[in-house]
């Protein structure tokens, strides 16, 4: 998995194209990510008891991985991710500036 929790990403396709946000959670098995403030929908909740009113709640739905691109923390540009081997394991590197992410 190339994207991790806490990465800043930009939406490259869909209804929220161009928006930026931080990854809250990564769903590895289904290939989706949850990004703060992106892909939000309204859900109407029915009243469960007599005293409780019904309400409209805003929920955030996960986005497919192919719809987001990482924003490099060094060069602040939308980029792809590469890997390099070091003595302590694999590290992620920016495809544009070749610096460690």
PDB file of N, CA and C in Angstrom:
ATOM      1  N   UNK A   1       0.854  -1.177   0.000  1.00  0.00           N
ATOM      2  CA  UNK A   1       0.000   0.000   0.000  1.00  0.00           C
ATOM      3  C   UNK A   1       0.902   1.244   0.000  1.00  0.00           C
ATOM      4  N   UNK A   2       0.699   2.106  -0.973  1.00  0.00           N
ATOM      5  CA  UNK A   2       1.561   3.276  -1.109  1.00  0.00           C
ATOM      6  C   UNK A   2       1.108   4.459  -0.263  1.00  0.00           C
ATOM      7  N   UNK A   3      -0.188   4.555   0.018  1.00  0.00           N
ATOM      8  CA  UNK A   3      -0.703   5.653   0.834  1.00  0.00           C
ATOM      9  C   UNK A   3      -0.885   5.190   2.274  1.00  0.00           C
ATOM     10  N   UNK A   4      -0.634   6.100   3.212  1.00  0.00           N
ATOM     11  CA  UNK A   4      -0.741   5.765   4.629  1.00  0.00           C
ATOM     12  C   UNK A   4      -1.588   6.798   5.354  1.00  0.00           C
ATOM     13  N   UNK A   5      -2.031   6.441   6.548  1.00  0.00           N
ATOM     14  CA  UNK A   5      -2.806   7.349   7.389  1.00  0.00           C
ATOM     15  C   UNK A   5      -1.963   8.586   7.695  1.00  0.00           C
ATOM     16  N   UNK A   6      -2.570   9.762   7.549  1.00  0.00           N
ATOM     17  CA  UNK A   6      -1.864  11.011   7.822  1.00  0.00           C
ATOM     18  C   UNK A   6      -1.279  11.686   6.592  1.00  0.00           C
ATOM     19  N   UNK A   7      -1.272  11.008   5.443  1.00  0.00           N
ATOM     20  CA  UNK A   7      -0.768  11.611   4.205  1.00  0.00           C
ATOM     21  C   UNK A   7      -1.743  12.669   3.690  1.00  0.00           C
ATOM     22  N   UNK A   8      -1.200  13.742   3.119  1.00  0.00           N
ATOM     23  CA  UNK A   8      -2.031  14.745   2.456  1.00  0.00           C
ATOM     24  C   UNK A   8      -2.227  14.311   1.013  1.00  0.00           C
ATOM     25  N   UNK A   9      -3.494  14.291   0.577  1.00  0.00           N
ATOM     26  CA  UNK A   9      -3.812  13.840  -0.775  1.00  0.00           C
ATOM     27  C   UNK A   9      -4.715  14.842  -1.472  1.00  0.00           C
ATOM     28  N   UNK A  10      -4.756  14.743  -2.809  1.00  0.00           N
ATOM     29  CA  UNK A  10      -5.620  15.572  -3.637  1.00  0.00           C
ATOM     30  C   UNK A  10      -6.504  14.643  -4.458  1.00  0.00           C
ATOM     31  N   UNK A  11      -7.788  14.985  -4.563  1.00  0.00           N
ATOM     32  CA  UNK A  11      -8.728  14.178  -5.337  1.00  0.00           C
ATOM     33  C   UNK A  11      -8.539  14.517  -6.811  1.00  0.00           C
ATOM     34  N   UNK A  12      -8.310  13.495  -7.651  1.00  0.00           N
ATOM     35  CA  UNK A  12      -8.027  13.721  -9.069  1.00  0.00           C
ATOM     36  C   UNK A  12      -9.218  13.432  -9.976  1.00  0.00           C
ATOM     37  N   UNK A  13     -10.256  12.773  -9.459  1.00  0.00           N
ATOM     38  CA  UNK A  13     -11.453  12.545 -10.266  1.00  0.00           C
ATOM     39  C   UNK A  13     -12.658  12.368  -9.359  1.00  0.00           C
ATOM     40  N   UNK A  14     -13.832  12.622  -9.933  1.00  0.00           N
ATOM     41  CA  UNK A  14     -15.066  12.484  -9.168  1.00  0.00           C
ATOM     42  C   UNK A  14     -15.689  13.827  -8.865  1.00  0.00           C
ATOM     43  N   UNK A  15     -16.722  13.816  -8.025  1.00  0.00           N
ATOM     44  CA  UNK A  15     -17.465  15.043  -7.743  1.00  0.00           C
ATOM     45  C   UNK A  15     -16.670  16.046  -6.909  1.00  0.00           C
ATOM     46  N   UNK A  16     -15.665  15.591  -6.184  1.00  0.00           N
ATOM     47  CA  UNK A  16     -14.838  16.469  -5.356  1.00  0.00           C
ATOM     48  C   UNK A  16     -13.459  16.703  -5.967  1.00  0.00           C
ATOM     49  N   UNK A  17     -13.353  16.646  -7.282  1.00  0.00           N
ATOM     50  CA  UNK A  17     -12.074  16.810  -7.972  1.00  0.00           C
ATOM     51  C   UNK A  17     -11.429  18.144  -7.601  1.00  0.00           C
ATOM     52  N   UNK A  18     -10.137  18.091  -7.231  1.00  0.00           N
ATOM     53  CA  UNK A  18      -9.403  19.292  -6.878  1.00  0.00           C
ATOM     54  C   UNK A  18      -9.316  19.553  -5.385  1.00  0.00           C
ATOM     55  N   UNK A  19     -10.158  18.916  -4.587  1.00  0.00           N
ATOM     56  CA  UNK A  19     -10.132  19.129  -3.138  1.00  0.00           C
ATOM     57  C   UNK A  19      -8.958  18.384  -2.516  1.00  0.00           C
ATOM     58  N   UNK A  20      -8.457  18.939  -1.415  1.00  0.00           N
ATOM     59  CA  UNK A  20      -7.346  18.325  -0.704  1.00  0.00           C
ATOM     60  C   UNK A  20      -7.774  17.967   0.705  1.00  0.00           C
ATOM     61  N   UNK A  21      -7.141  16.966   1.264  1.00  0.00           N
ATOM     62  CA  UNK A  21      -7.454  16.544   2.620  1.00  0.00           C
ATOM     63  C   UNK A  21      -6.420  15.568   3.141  1.00  0.00           C
ATOM     64  N   UNK A  22      -6.603  15.179   4.393  1.00  0.00           N
ATOM     65  CA  UNK A  22      -5.695  14.257   5.060  1.00  0.00           C
ATOM     66  C   UNK A  22      -6.370  12.901   5.188  1.00  0.00           C
ATOM     67  N   UNK A  23      -5.622  11.833   5.009  1.00  0.00           N
ATOM     68  CA  UNK A  23      -6.177  10.486   5.109  1.00  0.00           C
ATOM     69  C   UNK A  23      -6.431  10.145   6.573  1.00  0.00           C
ATOM     70  N   UNK A  24      -7.694   9.784   6.882  1.00  0.00           N
ATOM     71  CA  UNK A  24      -8.068   9.360   8.234  1.00  0.00           C
ATOM     72  C   UNK A  24      -7.860   7.868   8.421  1.00  0.00           C
ATOM     73  N   UNK A  25      -8.236   7.093   7.402  1.00  0.00           N
ATOM     74  CA  UNK A  25      -8.172   5.639   7.503  1.00  0.00           C
ATOM     75  C   UNK A  25      -7.966   5.044   6.121  1.00  0.00           C
ATOM     76  N   UNK A  26      -7.221   3.936   6.069  1.00  0.00           N
ATOM     77  CA  UNK A  26      -6.978   3.225   4.819  1.00  0.00           C
ATOM     78  C   UNK A  26      -7.633   1.848   4.914  1.00  0.00           C
ATOM     79  N   UNK A  27      -8.489   1.530   3.946  1.00  0.00           N
ATOM     80  CA  UNK A  27      -9.132   0.219   3.874  1.00  0.00           C
ATOM     81  C   UNK A  27      -8.366  -0.605   2.843  1.00  0.00           C
ATOM     82  N   UNK A  28      -7.438  -1.437   3.305  1.00  0.00           N
ATOM     83  CA  UNK A  28      -6.537  -2.159   2.414  1.00  0.00           C
ATOM     84  C   UNK A  28      -7.277  -3.209   1.592  1.00  0.00           C
ATOM     85  N   UNK A  29      -8.168  -3.972   2.221  1.00  0.00           N
ATOM     86  CA  UNK A  29      -8.835  -5.078   1.521  1.00  0.00           C
ATOM     87  C   UNK A  29      -9.748  -4.607   0.395  1.00  0.00           C
ATOM     88  N   UNK A  30     -10.413  -3.468   0.574  1.00  0.00           N
ATOM     89  CA  UNK A  30     -11.325  -2.987  -0.467  1.00  0.00           C
ATOM     90  C   UNK A  30     -10.692  -1.899  -1.336  1.00  0.00           C
ATOM     91  N   UNK A  31      -9.470  -1.473  -1.008  1.00  0.00           N
ATOM     92  CA  UNK A  31      -8.755  -0.499  -1.834  1.00  0.00           C
ATOM     93  C   UNK A  31      -9.341   0.897  -1.792  1.00  0.00           C
ATOM     94  N   UNK A  32      -9.720   1.356  -0.594  1.00  0.00           N
ATOM     95  CA  UNK A  32     -10.307   2.690  -0.458  1.00  0.00           C
ATOM     96  C   UNK A  32      -9.661   3.441   0.700  1.00  0.00           C
ATOM     97  N   UNK A  33      -9.791   4.776   0.660  1.00  0.00           N
ATOM     98  CA  UNK A  33      -9.279   5.625   1.733  1.00  0.00           C
ATOM     99  C   UNK A  33     -10.363   6.595   2.183  1.00  0.00           C
ATOM    100  N   UNK A  34     -10.319   6.952   3.456  1.00  0.00           N
ATOM    101  CA  UNK A  34     -11.250   7.919   4.020  1.00  0.00           C
ATOM    102  C   UNK A  34     -10.488   9.230   4.188  1.00  0.00           C
ATOM    103  N   UNK A  35     -10.936  10.286   3.503  1.00  0.00           N
ATOM    104  CA  UNK A  35     -10.247  11.576   3.504  1.00  0.00           C
ATOM    105  C   UNK A  35     -11.135  12.607   4.200  1.00  0.00           C
ATOM    106  N   UNK A  36     -10.549  13.411   5.096  1.00  0.00           N
ATOM    107  CA  UNK A  36     -11.323  14.401   5.840  1.00  0.00           C
ATOM    108  C   UNK A  36     -11.885  15.469   4.912  1.00  0.00           C
ATOM    109  N   UNK A  37     -13.173  15.757   5.058  1.00  0.00           N
ATOM    110  CA  UNK A  37     -13.823  16.825   4.316  1.00  0.00           C
ATOM    111  C   UNK A  37     -14.095  16.550   2.849  1.00  0.00           C
ATOM    112  N   UNK A  38     -13.910  15.317   2.399  1.00  0.00           N
ATOM    113  CA  UNK A  38     -14.098  14.973   0.994  1.00  0.00           C
ATOM    114  C   UNK A  38     -15.084  13.813   0.890  1.00  0.00           C
ATOM    115  N   UNK A  39     -15.910  13.817  -0.160  1.00  0.00           N
ATOM    116  CA  UNK A  39     -16.886  12.761  -0.433  1.00  0.00           C
ATOM    117  C   UNK A  39     -17.914  12.651   0.697  1.00  0.00           C
ATOM    118  N   UNK A  40     -18.480  13.794   1.065  1.00  0.00           N
ATOM    119  CA  UNK A  40     -19.466  13.825   2.139  1.00  0.00           C
ATOM    120  C   UNK A  40     -20.877  13.751   1.579  1.00  0.00           C
ATOM    121  N   UNK A  41     -21.717  12.999   2.282  1.00  0.00           N
ATOM    122  CA  UNK A  41     -23.111  12.821   1.902  1.00  0.00           C
ATOM    123  C   UNK A  41     -24.004  13.063   3.106  1.00  0.00           C
ATOM    124  N   UNK A  42     -25.253  13.415   2.836  1.00  0.00           N
ATOM    125  CA  UNK A  42     -26.231  13.634   3.902  1.00  0.00           C
ATOM    126  C   UNK A  42     -27.079  12.383   4.047  1.00  0.00           C
ATOM    127  N   UNK A  43     -27.320  11.992   5.295  1.00  0.00           N
ATOM    128  CA  UNK A  43     -28.148  10.829   5.583  1.00  0.00           C
ATOM    129  C   UNK A  43     -29.276  11.257   6.509  1.00  0.00           C
ATOM    130  N   UNK A  44     -30.493  10.887   6.166  1.00  0.00           N
ATOM    131  CA  UNK A  44     -31.665  11.224   6.962  1.00  0.00           C
ATOM    132  C   UNK A  44     -31.915  10.112   7.971  1.00  0.00           C
ATOM    133  N   UNK A  45     -31.862  10.455   9.256  1.00  0.00           N
ATOM    134  CA  UNK A  45     -32.088   9.482  10.315  1.00  0.00           C
ATOM    135  C   UNK A  45     -33.482   9.655  10.885  1.00  0.00           C
ATOM    136  N   UNK A  46     -34.186   8.571  10.988  1.00  0.00           N
ATOM    137  CA  UNK A  46     -35.537   8.558  11.528  1.00  0.00           C
ATOM    138  C   UNK A  46     -35.474   8.621  13.052  1.00  0.00           C
ATOM    139  N   UNK A  47     -36.489   9.201  13.670  1.00  0.00           N
ATOM    140  CA  UNK A  47     -36.555   9.257  15.132  1.00  0.00           C
ATOM    141  C   UNK A  47     -36.708   7.842  15.681  1.00  0.00           C
ATOM    142  N   UNK A  48     -35.905   7.490  16.683  1.00  0.00           N
ATOM    143  CA  UNK A  48     -35.958   6.142  17.245  1.00  0.00           C
ATOM    144  C   UNK A  48     -36.975   6.037  18.376  1.00  0.00           C
ATOM    145  N   UNK A  49     -37.141   7.107  19.114  1.00  0.00           N
ATOM    146  CA  UNK A  49     -38.111   7.086  20.212  1.00  0.00           C
ATOM    147  C   UNK A  49     -39.016   8.305  20.099  1.00  0.00           C
ATOM    148  N   UNK A  50     -40.004   8.368  20.937  1.00  0.00           N
ATOM    149  CA  UNK A  50     -41.003   9.438  20.868  1.00  0.00           C
ATOM    150  C   UNK A  50     -40.384  10.816  21.099  1.00  0.00           C
ATOM    151  N   UNK A  51     -39.475  10.941  22.057  1.00  0.00           N
ATOM    152  CA  UNK A  51     -38.902  12.245  22.396  1.00  0.00           C
ATOM    153  C   UNK A  51     -37.760  12.681  21.503  1.00  0.00           C
ATOM    154  N   UNK A  52     -37.171  11.769  20.760  1.00  0.00           N
ATOM    155  CA  UNK A  52     -36.015  12.099  19.931  1.00  0.00           C
ATOM    156  C   UNK A  52     -36.469  12.546  18.539  1.00  0.00           C
ATOM    157  N   UNK A  53     -35.986  13.700  18.066  1.00  0.00           N
ATOM    158  CA  UNK A  53     -36.389  14.163  16.731  1.00  0.00           C
ATOM    159  C   UNK A  53     -35.590  13.448  15.638  1.00  0.00           C
ATOM    160  N   UNK A  54     -36.135  13.454  14.435  1.00  0.00           N
ATOM    161  CA  UNK A  54     -35.369  12.934  13.302  1.00  0.00           C
ATOM    162  C   UNK A  54     -34.346  13.998  12.915  1.00  0.00           C
ATOM    163  N   UNK A  55     -33.288  13.588  12.223  1.00  0.00           N
ATOM    164  CA  UNK A  55     -32.230  14.541  11.894  1.00  0.00           C
ATOM    165  C   UNK A  55     -31.544  14.162  10.585  1.00  0.00           C
ATOM    166  N   UNK A  56     -30.795  15.124  10.063  1.00  0.00           N
ATOM    167  CA  UNK A  56     -29.996  14.915   8.863  1.00  0.00           C
ATOM    168  C   UNK A  56     -28.531  14.971   9.293  1.00  0.00           C
ATOM    169  N   UNK A  57     -27.796  13.891   9.029  1.00  0.00           N
ATOM    170  CA  UNK A  57     -26.409  13.768   9.463  1.00  0.00           C
ATOM    171  C   UNK A  57     -25.511  13.742   8.228  1.00  0.00           C
ATOM    172  N   UNK A  58     -24.371  14.435   8.298  1.00  0.00           N
ATOM    173  CA  UNK A  58     -23.386  14.405   7.222  1.00  0.00           C
ATOM    174  C   UNK A  58     -22.378  13.301   7.523  1.00  0.00           C
ATOM    175  N   UNK A  59     -22.213  12.378   6.568  1.00  0.00           N
ATOM    176  CA  UNK A  59     -21.245  11.297   6.741  1.00  0.00           C
ATOM    177  C   UNK A  59     -20.209  11.364   5.625  1.00  0.00           C
ATOM    178  N   UNK A  60     -19.007  10.875   5.925  1.00  0.00           N
ATOM    179  CA  UNK A  60     -17.931  10.827   4.943  1.00  0.00           C
ATOM    180  C   UNK A  60     -17.792   9.397   4.455  1.00  0.00           C
ATOM    181  N   UNK A  61     -17.827   9.216   3.141  1.00  0.00           N
ATOM    182  CA  UNK A  61     -17.686   7.881   2.562  1.00  0.00           C
ATOM    183  C   UNK A  61     -16.270   7.718   2.002  1.00  0.00           C
ATOM    184  N   UNK A  62     -15.767   6.480   1.972  1.00  0.00           N
ATOM    185  CA  UNK A  62     -14.421   6.245   1.442  1.00  0.00           C
ATOM    186  C   UNK A  62     -14.335   6.455  -0.073  1.00  0.00           C
ATOM    187  N   UNK A  63     -13.148   6.851  -0.516  1.00  0.00           N
ATOM    188  CA  UNK A  63     -12.851   7.050  -1.942  1.00  0.00           C
ATOM    189  C   UNK A  63     -11.961   5.914  -2.447  1.00  0.00           C
ATOM    190  N   UNK A  64     -12.112   5.506  -3.703  1.00  0.00           N
ATOM    191  CA  UNK A  64     -11.182   4.518  -4.271  1.00  0.00           C
ATOM    192  C   UNK A  64      -9.763   5.095  -4.341  1.00  0.00           C
ATOM    193  N   UNK A  65      -8.776   4.233  -4.203  1.00  0.00           N
ATOM    194  CA  UNK A  65      -7.377   4.671  -4.216  1.00  0.00           C
ATOM    195  C   UNK A  65      -6.982   5.364  -5.515  1.00  0.00           C
ATOM    196  N   UNK A  66      -7.551   4.934  -6.646  1.00  0.00           N
ATOM    197  CA  UNK A  66      -7.163   5.531  -7.925  1.00  0.00           C
ATOM    198  C   UNK A  66      -7.703   6.945  -8.102  1.00  0.00           C
ATOM    199  N   UNK A  67      -8.603   7.394  -7.213  1.00  0.00           N
ATOM    200  CA  UNK A  67      -9.162   8.743  -7.318  1.00  0.00           C
ATOM    201  C   UNK A  67      -8.380   9.781  -6.519  1.00  0.00           C
ATOM    202  N   UNK A  68      -7.329   9.372  -5.817  1.00  0.00           N
ATOM    203  CA  UNK A  68      -6.537  10.317  -5.033  1.00  0.00           C
ATOM    204  C   UNK A  68      -5.066  10.219  -5.418  1.00  0.00           C
ATOM    205  N   UNK A  69      -4.355  11.337  -5.241  1.00  0.00           N
ATOM    206  CA  UNK A  69      -2.917  11.381  -5.501  1.00  0.00           C
ATOM    207  C   UNK A  69      -2.236  12.057  -4.320  1.00  0.00           C
ATOM    208  N   UNK A  70      -1.077  11.557  -3.957  1.00  0.00           N
ATOM    209  CA  UNK A  70      -0.322  12.089  -2.827  1.00  0.00           C
ATOM    210  C   UNK A  70       0.235  13.472  -3.149  1.00  0.00           C
ATOM    211  N   UNK A  71       0.244  14.354  -2.143  1.00  0.00           N
ATOM    212  CA  UNK A  71       0.907  15.649  -2.255  1.00  0.00           C
ATOM    213  C   UNK A  71       2.217  15.530  -1.487  1.00  0.00           C
ATOM    214  N   UNK A  72       3.325  15.705  -2.187  1.00  0.00           N
ATOM    215  CA  UNK A  72       4.648  15.554  -1.576  1.00  0.00           C
ATOM    216  C   UNK A  72       4.849  16.631  -0.509  1.00  0.00           C
ATOM    217  N   UNK A  73       5.269  16.255   0.711  1.00  0.00           N
ATOM    218  CA  UNK A  73       5.495  17.258   1.755  1.00  0.00           C
ATOM    219  C   UNK A  73       6.705  18.154   1.485  1.00  0.00           C
ATOM    220  N   UNK A  74       7.627  17.712   0.622  1.00  0.00           N
ATOM    221  CA  UNK A  74       8.823  18.502   0.326  1.00  0.00           C
ATOM    222  C   UNK A  74       8.592  19.519  -0.786  1.00  0.00           C
ATOM    223  N   UNK A  75       8.066  19.056  -1.934  1.00  0.00           N
ATOM    224  CA  UNK A  75       7.900  19.957  -3.082  1.00  0.00           C
ATOM    225  C   UNK A  75       6.473  20.480  -3.236  1.00  0.00           C
ATOM    226  N   UNK A  76       5.536  20.027  -2.389  1.00  0.00           N
ATOM    227  CA  UNK A  76       4.137  20.508  -2.352  1.00  0.00           C
ATOM    228  C   UNK A  76       3.416  20.350  -3.689  1.00  0.00           C
ATOM    229  N   UNK A  77       3.739  19.286  -4.436  1.00  0.00           N
ATOM    230  CA  UNK A  77       3.157  19.027  -5.741  1.00  0.00           C
ATOM    231  C   UNK A  77       2.506  17.645  -5.724  1.00  0.00           C
ATOM    232  N   UNK A  78       1.418  17.501  -6.480  1.00  0.00           N
ATOM    233  CA  UNK A  78       0.770  16.199  -6.643  1.00  0.00           C
ATOM    234  C   UNK A  78       1.746  15.274  -7.360  1.00  0.00           C
ATOM    235  N   UNK A  79       1.988  14.097  -6.809  1.00  0.00           N
ATOM    236  CA  UNK A  79       3.013  13.222  -7.360  1.00  0.00           C
ATOM    237  C   UNK A  79       2.662  11.753  -7.194  1.00  0.00           C
ATOM    238  N   UNK A  80       3.428  10.915  -7.876  1.00  0.00           N
ATOM    239  CA  UNK A  80       3.338   9.476  -7.683  1.00  0.00           C
ATOM    240  C   UNK A  80       4.396   9.064  -6.668  1.00  0.00           C
ATOM    241  N   UNK A  81       4.285   7.841  -6.182  1.00  0.00           N
ATOM    242  CA  UNK A  81       5.185   7.373  -5.134  1.00  0.00           C
ATOM    243  C   UNK A  81       6.050   6.251  -5.678  1.00  0.00           C
ATOM    244  N   UNK A  82       7.338   6.324  -5.361  1.00  0.00           N
ATOM    245  CA  UNK A  82       8.254   5.248  -5.705  1.00  0.00           C
ATOM    246  C   UNK A  82       8.836   4.659  -4.433  1.00  0.00           C
ATOM    247  N   UNK A  83       9.511   3.545  -4.562  1.00  0.00           N
ATOM    248  CA  UNK A  83      10.135   2.909  -3.408  1.00  0.00           C
ATOM    249  C   UNK A  83      11.626   2.778  -3.648  1.00  0.00           C
ATOM    250  N   UNK A  84      12.394   2.857  -2.575  1.00  0.00           N
ATOM    251  CA  UNK A  84      13.834   2.638  -2.633  1.00  0.00           C
ATOM    252  C   UNK A  84      14.213   1.746  -1.460  1.00  0.00           C
ATOM    253  N   UNK A  85      15.220   0.921  -1.663  1.00  0.00           N
ATOM    254  CA  UNK A  85      15.684   0.029  -0.603  1.00  0.00           C
ATOM    255  C   UNK A  85      16.853   0.667   0.124  1.00  0.00           C
ATOM    256  N   UNK A  86      16.760   0.700   1.430  1.00  0.00           N
ATOM    257  CA  UNK A  86      17.857   1.148   2.277  1.00  0.00           C
ATOM    258  C   UNK A  86      18.222   0.007   3.206  1.00  0.00           C
ATOM    259  N   UNK A  87      19.228   0.209   4.023  1.00  0.00           N
ATOM    260  CA  UNK A  87      19.664  -0.873   4.912  1.00  0.00           C
ATOM    261  C   UNK A  87      18.612  -1.229   5.968  1.00  0.00           C
ATOM    262  N   UNK A  88      17.732  -0.252   6.309  1.00  0.00           N
ATOM    263  CA  UNK A  88      16.702  -0.530   7.315  1.00  0.00           C
ATOM    264  C   UNK A  88      15.358  -0.899   6.694  1.00  0.00           C
ATOM    265  N   UNK A  89      15.274  -1.073   5.381  1.00  0.00           N
ATOM    266  CA  UNK A  89      14.033  -1.490   4.729  1.00  0.00           C
ATOM    267  C   UNK A  89      13.654  -0.580   3.571  1.00  0.00           C
ATOM    268  N   UNK A  90      12.411  -0.752   3.101  1.00  0.00           N
ATOM    269  CA  UNK A  90      11.909   0.055   1.986  1.00  0.00           C
ATOM    270  C   UNK A  90      11.452   1.419   2.485  1.00  0.00           C
ATOM    271  N   UNK A  91      11.716   2.457   1.697  1.00  0.00           N
ATOM    272  CA  UNK A  91      11.217   3.796   2.012  1.00  0.00           C
ATOM    273  C   UNK A  91      10.458   4.326   0.800  1.00  0.00           C
ATOM    274  N   UNK A  92       9.534   5.243   1.054  1.00  0.00           N
ATOM    275  CA  UNK A  92       8.778   5.877  -0.029  1.00  0.00           C
ATOM    276  C   UNK A  92       9.520   7.126  -0.485  1.00  0.00           C
ATOM    277  N   UNK A  93       9.589   7.324  -1.803  1.00  0.00           N
ATOM    278  CA  UNK A  93      10.227   8.528  -2.339  1.00  0.00           C
ATOM    279  C   UNK A  93       9.295   9.194  -3.343  1.00  0.00           C
ATOM    280  N   UNK A  94       9.438  10.511  -3.462  1.00  0.00           N
ATOM    281  CA  UNK A  94       8.651  11.306  -4.406  1.00  0.00           C
ATOM    282  C   UNK A  94       9.200  11.071  -5.814  1.00  0.00           C
ATOM    283  N   UNK A  95       8.306  10.886  -6.784  1.00  0.00           N
ATOM    284  CA  UNK A  95       8.729  10.644  -8.163  1.00  0.00           C
ATOM    285  C   UNK A  95       9.228  11.920  -8.837  1.00  0.00           C
ATOM    286  N   UNK A  96       8.888  13.094  -8.299  1.00  0.00           N
ATOM    287  CA  UNK A  96       9.285  14.360  -8.932  1.00  0.00           C
ATOM    288  C   UNK A  96      10.577  14.929  -8.351  1.00  0.00           C
ATOM    289  N   UNK A  97      10.701  14.938  -7.005  1.00  0.00           N
ATOM    290  CA  UNK A  97      11.893  15.545  -6.401  1.00  0.00           C
ATOM    291  C   UNK A  97      12.884  14.508  -5.871  1.00  0.00           C
ATOM    292  N   UNK A  98      12.526  13.221  -5.911  1.00  0.00           N
ATOM    293  CA  UNK A  98      13.376  12.110  -5.461  1.00  0.00           C
ATOM    294  C   UNK A  98      13.820  12.226  -4.009  1.00  0.00           C
ATOM    295  N   UNK A  99      13.008  12.866  -3.169  1.00  0.00           N
ATOM    296  CA  UNK A  99      13.308  12.957  -1.743  1.00  0.00           C
ATOM    297  C   UNK A  99      12.433  11.989  -0.965  1.00  0.00           C
ATOM    298  N   UNK A 100      12.877  11.662   0.231  1.00  0.00           N
ATOM    299  CA  UNK A 100      12.150  10.735   1.099  1.00  0.00           C
ATOM    300  C   UNK A 100      10.850  11.376   1.588  1.00  0.00           C
ATOM    301  N   UNK A 101       9.765  10.582   1.559  1.00  0.00           N
ATOM    302  CA  UNK A 101       8.467  11.081   2.029  1.00  0.00           C
ATOM    303  C   UNK A 101       8.299  10.687   3.483  1.00  0.00           C
TER     304      UNK A 101
END
